[in-house]
Amino acid sequence: MNARVDTSVLTHLSNSHLDALEEETIFILREVAAAFERPALLFSGGKDSLVMLKCAEKAFGAGRIPYPLLMIDTGHNFPEVTDFRDQRAKELGAELIVRNVEDSMARGTVRLAHPGESRNVHQSVTLLEAIEEFRFDALIGGARRDEEKARAKERIFSHRDSFGQWQPKAQRPELWTLFNTRIAPGEHFRVFPISNWTELDVWQYIERESIALPSIYYTHQREVVKRKGLLVPVTHLTPPRDGEQVVVRDVRFRTVGDITCTCPVESDAATAADIVIETLAAEVSERGATRMDDKTSEASMEKRKKDGYF
């Protein structure tokens, strides 16, 4: 993925379908505002949530987004991303709520198996605590169906029971863009307005709309080690192991998350247009190419969703 990209391909690549995707996303964002009393938009500062935020601006107008932004912070996020998150929320005049896994650890509701364990999987606990604290009845997330097989099963309006769990058999039909949003006390919905987008669609939209992103999405030099077929960034949280050779590579991140489980890919792509071309040639999904936590088992994402994950 590190070959120099040929952007001349863009002249032959249509993005007319983005209008329909944007229209659908705006419709869903407005539907959430109309159907629920206490919704929130999950906002990590990553590319998918920034695309949703752009659509929310178009749906409601700058400074008029009718629900707060919610971030579940593991405490191990890339600083480039969290700084950008805070900056973007301030620019929009949006309410930003941050809840931390470290606070759940202090309360004893999260217990790590060992100090070096990734906190990523424990976000579910902190998220459910935030739902209870603010009595959210709908959470808008940036998951897409092309990311992973468990997410391919997901409805746009995903019902969660009173324990915050996803039950595949309890999901509701969504025919002709009609959504059943009725919930009993204690239940809530997770809503995914960009379900029908692909990674390529997201990058085409970012390029078309000139959406600013955290710098780590674009090529930069970083120390990495090769481990289990992935490039693991060398940080104080992910130091090299005995026998591993630290090398400097030109890399970028296809997705951003907890430092302990998110890996970059080799790339020279310096612009969104460059990444559109790279994505056209990609043979592995972004999660498959970059996320260590999804490699633990074939059903790891589905198990986490049933536990209350995004």
Foldseek 3Di string as FASTA:
>chain_A
DADFFDLVVVVVDDLVCLVVLLVLLLVLLVVCVVPFDAEEEADQQKLLSLVSVVSQCVNQNQLGNPHAYEYEAAVQFDPLRVVNRVVVCVRRVGHYHYWYVVVCVVVVVDDDPDPLDDCQLVSQVRVLVVCVVRVHAEYEYRDALVQAPLLVLADQWFKAALLLFGDSVPGDDQPPNDDDQDDDPSIHTYGHSNHVPALLSSLVVCQVVVRDGRQQQAWDKFKFWADPNFTQGDDPSDHDDPPIDIDIATWHQSITDRSSFFGTDGYNGGGSSRVSRVVVPDPDRRCRHTGRQCPPDSCRVVVSNRNNDD
